[in-house]
């Protein structure tokens, strides 16, 4: 069976600052369009991707929601010194609560919040202004996460596992994505299928 594939070109722009950290980082604010975004950290000769996301609303709006989750302890917080070496070392493991975990969070809250702020300040965001059709965004995000799980291992094991993604369904026509960016994004090839 011969299925003709479509081609989609994506231009990643950035790095941008996490909202509210622009004066600290000296980087521009993230654009206010919907689309895809990559949460990255400076690493060697480029940027190491730790997460991919999508939004049909302005990207800064979505990132403000992420900020709340970091501050509330819902997300995993990484040690920035270890991360600069490409190592995953958690200060706090988010994703789920128990009474014991809530007590631990309250006891270590100042340390965890300090680490969360350092992490958000260290993020370097890259964005792509792509067609906000739900399935295209979902397929793109899912493919990027799957690439991170497979290809980033030579560098480190930074991305969280168990993220809810929605890859291409069998009945959907494959699309070849061609990436371009002025800097190196570790783990993101110049082309891949979604």
C-alpha atoms as a PDB file:
ATOM      1  CA  UNK A   1       0.000   0.000   0.000  1.00  0.00           C
ATOM      2  CA  UNK A   2       1.474   3.340  -1.037  1.00  0.00           C
ATOM      3  CA  UNK A   3       0.379   6.258   1.118  1.00  0.00           C
ATOM      4  CA  UNK A   4       1.402   9.684  -0.075  1.00  0.00           C
ATOM      5  CA  UNK A   5       2.829  11.683   2.801  1.00  0.00           C
ATOM      6  CA  UNK A   6       2.340  15.379   3.381  1.00  0.00           C
ATOM      7  CA  UNK A   7       5.211  17.594   4.487  1.00  0.00           C
ATOM      8  CA  UNK A   8       4.968  20.160   7.261  1.00  0.00           C
ATOM      9  CA  UNK A   9       7.759  22.649   7.918  1.00  0.00           C
ATOM     10  CA  UNK A  10       8.244  23.948  11.439  1.00  0.00           C
ATOM     11  CA  UNK A  11      10.414  26.884  12.427  1.00  0.00           C
ATOM     12  CA  UNK A  12      11.339  26.874  16.112  1.00  0.00           C
ATOM     13  CA  UNK A  13      12.027  30.362  17.448  1.00  0.00           C
ATOM     14  CA  UNK A  14      13.740  31.203  20.694  1.00  0.00           C
ATOM     15  CA  UNK A  15      15.181  31.046  23.206  1.00  0.00           C
ATOM     16  CA  UNK A  16      12.562  32.926  25.204  1.00  0.00           C
ATOM     17  CA  UNK A  17      12.270  33.429  28.931  1.00  0.00           C
ATOM     18  CA  UNK A  18       9.756  31.789  31.221  1.00  0.00           C
ATOM     19  CA  UNK A  19       7.087  34.449  31.962  1.00  0.00           C
ATOM     20  CA  UNK A  20       8.055  36.835  34.805  1.00  0.00           C
ATOM     21  CA  UNK A  21      11.771  35.934  34.531  1.00  0.00           C
ATOM     22  CA  UNK A  22      12.624  38.184  31.559  1.00  0.00           C
ATOM     23  CA  UNK A  23      14.548  40.761  33.618  1.00  0.00           C
ATOM     24  CA  UNK A  24      16.530  37.998  35.337  1.00  0.00           C
ATOM     25  CA  UNK A  25      17.403  36.125  32.130  1.00  0.00           C
ATOM     26  CA  UNK A  26      17.703  39.029  29.699  1.00  0.00           C
ATOM     27  CA  UNK A  27      15.677  36.999  27.192  1.00  0.00           C
ATOM     28  CA  UNK A  28      12.560  38.183  25.356  1.00  0.00           C
ATOM     29  CA  UNK A  29       9.046  37.247  26.414  1.00  0.00           C
ATOM     30  CA  UNK A  30       7.493  34.186  24.848  1.00  0.00           C
ATOM     31  CA  UNK A  31       5.195  35.066  21.898  1.00  0.00           C
ATOM     32  CA  UNK A  32       1.462  35.285  22.535  1.00  0.00           C
ATOM     33  CA  UNK A  33       0.260  32.879  19.842  1.00  0.00           C
ATOM     34  CA  UNK A  34      -1.020  29.311  20.262  1.00  0.00           C
ATOM     35  CA  UNK A  35       1.007  26.338  19.128  1.00  0.00           C
ATOM     36  CA  UNK A  36       3.821  24.100  20.315  1.00  0.00           C
ATOM     37  CA  UNK A  37       6.452  24.907  22.875  1.00  0.00           C
ATOM     38  CA  UNK A  38       9.589  23.208  24.112  1.00  0.00           C
ATOM     39  CA  UNK A  39      10.909  23.597  27.641  1.00  0.00           C
ATOM     40  CA  UNK A  40      14.688  23.407  27.374  1.00  0.00           C
ATOM     41  CA  UNK A  41      17.856  24.079  29.341  1.00  0.00           C
ATOM     42  CA  UNK A  42      21.218  25.286  28.120  1.00  0.00           C
ATOM     43  CA  UNK A  43      23.382  22.231  27.565  1.00  0.00           C
ATOM     44  CA  UNK A  44      26.802  22.022  25.950  1.00  0.00           C
ATOM     45  CA  UNK A  45      26.536  23.411  22.417  1.00  0.00           C
ATOM     46  CA  UNK A  46      22.763  23.878  22.387  1.00  0.00           C
ATOM     47  CA  UNK A  47      19.636  23.198  24.368  1.00  0.00           C
ATOM     48  CA  UNK A  48      18.401  20.045  26.034  1.00  0.00           C
ATOM     49  CA  UNK A  49      14.655  19.477  25.719  1.00  0.00           C
ATOM     50  CA  UNK A  50      12.968  18.451  28.942  1.00  0.00           C
ATOM     51  CA  UNK A  51       9.334  18.750  27.848  1.00  0.00           C
ATOM     52  CA  UNK A  52       7.073  19.501  24.900  1.00  0.00           C
ATOM     53  CA  UNK A  53       3.642  21.031  25.134  1.00  0.00           C
ATOM     54  CA  UNK A  54       0.781  22.299  23.055  1.00  0.00           C
ATOM     55  CA  UNK A  55      -1.840  24.945  23.542  1.00  0.00           C
ATOM     56  CA  UNK A  56      -4.678  26.369  21.512  1.00  0.00           C
ATOM     57  CA  UNK A  57      -4.560  29.498  23.679  1.00  0.00           C
ATOM     58  CA  UNK A  58      -1.691  31.996  23.911  1.00  0.00           C
ATOM     59  CA  UNK A  59       1.458  30.200  25.059  1.00  0.00           C
ATOM     60  CA  UNK A  60       2.068  32.602  28.009  1.00  0.00           C
ATOM     61  CA  UNK A  61      -1.402  31.750  29.338  1.00  0.00           C
ATOM     62  CA  UNK A  62      -0.528  28.050  29.343  1.00  0.00           C
ATOM     63  CA  UNK A  63       2.856  28.690  30.950  1.00  0.00           C
ATOM     64  CA  UNK A  64       1.224  30.630  33.800  1.00  0.00           C
ATOM     65  CA  UNK A  65      -0.785  27.471  34.528  1.00  0.00           C
ATOM     66  CA  UNK A  66       2.474  25.498  34.581  1.00  0.00           C
ATOM     67  CA  UNK A  67       3.933  28.076  36.991  1.00  0.00           C
ATOM     68  CA  UNK A  68       1.099  27.433  39.439  1.00  0.00           C
ATOM     69  CA  UNK A  69       1.703  23.674  39.192  1.00  0.00           C
ATOM     70  CA  UNK A  70       5.444  24.099  39.882  1.00  0.00           C
ATOM     71  CA  UNK A  71       4.808  26.343  42.897  1.00  0.00           C
ATOM     72  CA  UNK A  72       2.113  24.022  44.287  1.00  0.00           C
ATOM     73  CA  UNK A  73       4.403  20.976  44.084  1.00  0.00           C
ATOM     74  CA  UNK A  74       2.355  19.237  41.420  1.00  0.00           C
ATOM     75  CA  UNK A  75       5.318  19.028  39.008  1.00  0.00           C
ATOM     76  CA  UNK A  76       8.726  17.452  39.452  1.00  0.00           C
ATOM     77  CA  UNK A  77      11.480  19.923  40.355  1.00  0.00           C
ATOM     78  CA  UNK A  78      15.015  19.211  39.190  1.00  0.00           C
ATOM     79  CA  UNK A  79      18.412  20.047  40.660  1.00  0.00           C
ATOM     80  CA  UNK A  80      19.837  22.639  38.235  1.00  0.00           C
ATOM     81  CA  UNK A  81      23.490  21.856  38.995  1.00  0.00           C
ATOM     82  CA  UNK A  82      23.005  18.188  38.061  1.00  0.00           C
ATOM     83  CA  UNK A  83      20.894  19.126  35.055  1.00  0.00           C
ATOM     84  CA  UNK A  84      23.707  21.243  33.590  1.00  0.00           C
ATOM     85  CA  UNK A  85      25.732  18.021  33.568  1.00  0.00           C
ATOM     86  CA  UNK A  86      22.890  16.198  31.801  1.00  0.00           C
ATOM     87  CA  UNK A  87      21.857  14.276  34.903  1.00  0.00           C
ATOM     88  CA  UNK A  88      18.361  13.834  36.247  1.00  0.00           C
ATOM     89  CA  UNK A  89      18.351  14.556  39.972  1.00  0.00           C
ATOM     90  CA  UNK A  90      15.038  15.419  41.557  1.00  0.00           C
ATOM     91  CA  UNK A  91      14.636  17.926  44.363  1.00  0.00           C
ATOM     92  CA  UNK A  92      10.938  17.073  44.470  1.00  0.00           C
ATOM     93  CA  UNK A  93       8.904  14.433  42.664  1.00  0.00           C
ATOM     94  CA  UNK A  94       5.506  15.836  41.770  1.00  0.00           C
ATOM     95  CA  UNK A  95       2.662  13.907  40.134  1.00  0.00           C
ATOM     96  CA  UNK A  96       0.383  12.620  42.838  1.00  0.00           C
ATOM     97  CA  UNK A  97      -0.281  13.215  46.497  1.00  0.00           C
ATOM     98  CA  UNK A  98      -0.562  11.176  49.675  1.00  0.00           C
ATOM     99  CA  UNK A  99      -0.837  12.449  53.269  1.00  0.00           C
ATOM    100  CA  UNK A 100       2.866  11.587  53.805  1.00  0.00           C
ATOM    101  CA  UNK A 101       3.891  13.398  50.658  1.00  0.00           C
ATOM    102  CA  UNK A 102       1.905  16.504  51.625  1.00  0.00           C
ATOM    103  CA  UNK A 103       3.657  16.539  55.027  1.00  0.00           C
ATOM    104  CA  UNK A 104       7.044  16.187  53.309  1.00  0.00           C
ATOM    105  CA  UNK A 105       6.172  19.066  50.955  1.00  0.00           C
ATOM    106  CA  UNK A 106       5.174  21.335  53.848  1.00  0.00           C
ATOM    107  CA  UNK A 107       8.351  20.485  55.777  1.00  0.00           C
ATOM    108  CA  UNK A 108      10.596  21.199  52.769  1.00  0.00           C
ATOM    109  CA  UNK A 109       8.461  23.893  51.143  1.00  0.00           C
ATOM    110  CA  UNK A 110      11.089  26.677  51.199  1.00  0.00           C
ATOM    111  CA  UNK A 111      13.707  24.436  49.575  1.00  0.00           C
ATOM    112  CA  UNK A 112      11.241  23.125  46.986  1.00  0.00           C
ATOM    113  CA  UNK A 113       9.926  26.602  46.087  1.00  0.00           C
ATOM    114  CA  UNK A 114      13.468  27.957  45.751  1.00  0.00           C
ATOM    115  CA  UNK A 115      14.366  25.064  43.438  1.00  0.00           C
ATOM    116  CA  UNK A 116      11.150  25.583  41.420  1.00  0.00           C
ATOM    117  CA  UNK A 117      11.979  29.267  40.879  1.00  0.00           C
ATOM    118  CA  UNK A 118      15.539  28.369  39.826  1.00  0.00           C
ATOM    119  CA  UNK A 119      14.163  25.838  37.373  1.00  0.00           C
ATOM    120  CA  UNK A 120      11.708  28.281  35.782  1.00  0.00           C
ATOM    121  CA  UNK A 121      14.458  30.913  35.542  1.00  0.00           C
ATOM    122  CA  UNK A 122      16.734  28.354  33.857  1.00  0.00           C
ATOM    123  CA  UNK A 123      14.163  27.322  31.259  1.00  0.00           C
ATOM    124  CA  UNK A 124      14.830  28.433  27.708  1.00  0.00           C
ATOM    125  CA  UNK A 125      11.621  28.212  25.708  1.00  0.00           C
ATOM    126  CA  UNK A 126      11.305  27.551  21.996  1.00  0.00           C
ATOM    127  CA  UNK A 127       8.000  27.909  20.192  1.00  0.00           C
ATOM    128  CA  UNK A 128       6.488  27.007  16.844  1.00  0.00           C
ATOM    129  CA  UNK A 129       3.546  28.887  15.415  1.00  0.00           C
ATOM    130  CA  UNK A 130       1.777  25.976  13.732  1.00  0.00           C
ATOM    131  CA  UNK A 131      -1.765  25.330  12.635  1.00  0.00           C
ATOM    132  CA  UNK A 132      -3.740  24.952  15.874  1.00  0.00           C
ATOM    133  CA  UNK A 133      -5.866  22.081  14.530  1.00  0.00           C
ATOM    134  CA  UNK A 134      -6.264  19.787  17.526  1.00  0.00           C
ATOM    135  CA  UNK A 135      -5.068  16.576  15.915  1.00  0.00           C
ATOM    136  CA  UNK A 136      -2.016  18.162  14.268  1.00  0.00           C
ATOM    137  CA  UNK A 137      -0.883  19.680  17.571  1.00  0.00           C
ATOM    138  CA  UNK A 138      -1.563  16.430  19.431  1.00  0.00           C
ATOM    139  CA  UNK A 139       0.327  14.346  16.899  1.00  0.00           C
ATOM    140  CA  UNK A 140       3.270  16.753  16.903  1.00  0.00           C
ATOM    141  CA  UNK A 141       3.476  16.815  20.687  1.00  0.00           C
ATOM    142  CA  UNK A 142       3.223  13.009  20.921  1.00  0.00           C
ATOM    143  CA  UNK A 143       5.934  12.476  18.317  1.00  0.00           C
ATOM    144  CA  UNK A 144       8.297  14.889  20.071  1.00  0.00           C
ATOM    145  CA  UNK A 145       7.775  13.140  23.428  1.00  0.00           C
ATOM    146  CA  UNK A 146       8.419   9.761  21.788  1.00  0.00           C
ATOM    147  CA  UNK A 147      11.594  11.119  20.182  1.00  0.00           C
ATOM    148  CA  UNK A 148      12.766  12.442  23.535  1.00  0.00           C
ATOM    149  CA  UNK A 149      12.272   9.045  25.129  1.00  0.00           C
ATOM    150  CA  UNK A 150      14.241   7.318  22.363  1.00  0.00           C
ATOM    151  CA  UNK A 151      16.903   9.777  21.271  1.00  0.00           C
ATOM    152  CA  UNK A 152      17.828  11.702  24.374  1.00  0.00           C
ATOM    153  CA  UNK A 153      19.370   8.764  26.189  1.00  0.00           C
ATOM    154  CA  UNK A 154      22.885   9.482  24.877  1.00  0.00           C
ATOM    155  CA  UNK A 155      22.629  12.843  26.670  1.00  0.00           C
ATOM    156  CA  UNK A 156      20.516  12.081  29.742  1.00  0.00           C
ATOM    157  CA  UNK A 157      17.176  10.869  31.006  1.00  0.00           C
ATOM    158  CA  UNK A 158      15.611  14.264  31.708  1.00  0.00           C
ATOM    159  CA  UNK A 159      12.014  14.054  30.378  1.00  0.00           C
ATOM    160  CA  UNK A 160       9.328  12.866  32.768  1.00  0.00           C
ATOM    161  CA  UNK A 161       7.745   9.509  31.943  1.00  0.00           C
ATOM    162  CA  UNK A 162       4.055   8.710  31.714  1.00  0.00           C
ATOM    163  CA  UNK A 163       2.975  11.939  30.035  1.00  0.00           C
ATOM    164  CA  UNK A 164      -0.457  11.647  28.426  1.00  0.00           C
ATOM    165  CA  UNK A 165       0.018  11.907  24.661  1.00  0.00           C
ATOM    166  CA  UNK A 166      -2.103  11.220  21.591  1.00  0.00           C
ATOM    167  CA  UNK A 167      -0.006   9.914  18.671  1.00  0.00           C
ATOM    168  CA  UNK A 168      -1.181   9.360  15.097  1.00  0.00           C
ATOM    169  CA  UNK A 169      -4.109   7.030  14.730  1.00  0.00           C
ATOM    170  CA  UNK A 170      -3.805   4.202  12.217  1.00  0.00           C
ATOM    171  CA  UNK A 171      -6.378   5.762   9.896  1.00  0.00           C
ATOM    172  CA  UNK A 172      -4.601   9.149   9.797  1.00  0.00           C
ATOM    173  CA  UNK A 173      -2.283   9.977   6.914  1.00  0.00           C
ATOM    174  CA  UNK A 174       1.362  10.238   7.977  1.00  0.00           C
ATOM    175  CA  UNK A 175       2.966  13.682   7.822  1.00  0.00           C
ATOM    176  CA  UNK A 176       6.700  14.321   7.541  1.00  0.00           C
ATOM    177  CA  UNK A 177       7.803  17.194   9.767  1.00  0.00           C
ATOM    178  CA  UNK A 178      10.897  19.179   8.791  1.00  0.00           C
ATOM    179  CA  UNK A 179      12.349  21.177  11.680  1.00  0.00           C
ATOM    180  CA  UNK A 180      14.517  24.221  11.518  1.00  0.00           C
ATOM    181  CA  UNK A 181      16.013  26.272  14.310  1.00  0.00           C
ATOM    182  CA  UNK A 182      18.961  28.660  14.520  1.00  0.00           C
ATOM    183  CA  UNK A 183      20.392  26.688  17.444  1.00  0.00           C
ATOM    184  CA  UNK A 184      20.849  23.024  18.271  1.00  0.00           C
ATOM    185  CA  UNK A 185      17.955  21.330  20.051  1.00  0.00           C
ATOM    186  CA  UNK A 186      19.370  18.045  21.407  1.00  0.00           C
ATOM    187  CA  UNK A 187      17.095  15.097  20.701  1.00  0.00           C
ATOM    188  CA  UNK A 188      15.039  16.766  17.951  1.00  0.00           C
ATOM    189  CA  UNK A 189      16.015  15.538  14.476  1.00  0.00           C
ATOM    190  CA  UNK A 190      15.734  17.696  11.367  1.00  0.00           C
ATOM    191  CA  UNK A 191      12.829  15.539  10.213  1.00  0.00           C
ATOM    192  CA  UNK A 192      10.460  12.961  11.654  1.00  0.00           C
ATOM    193  CA  UNK A 193       7.021  11.476  10.994  1.00  0.00           C
ATOM    194  CA  UNK A 194       3.852  12.251  12.879  1.00  0.00           C
END
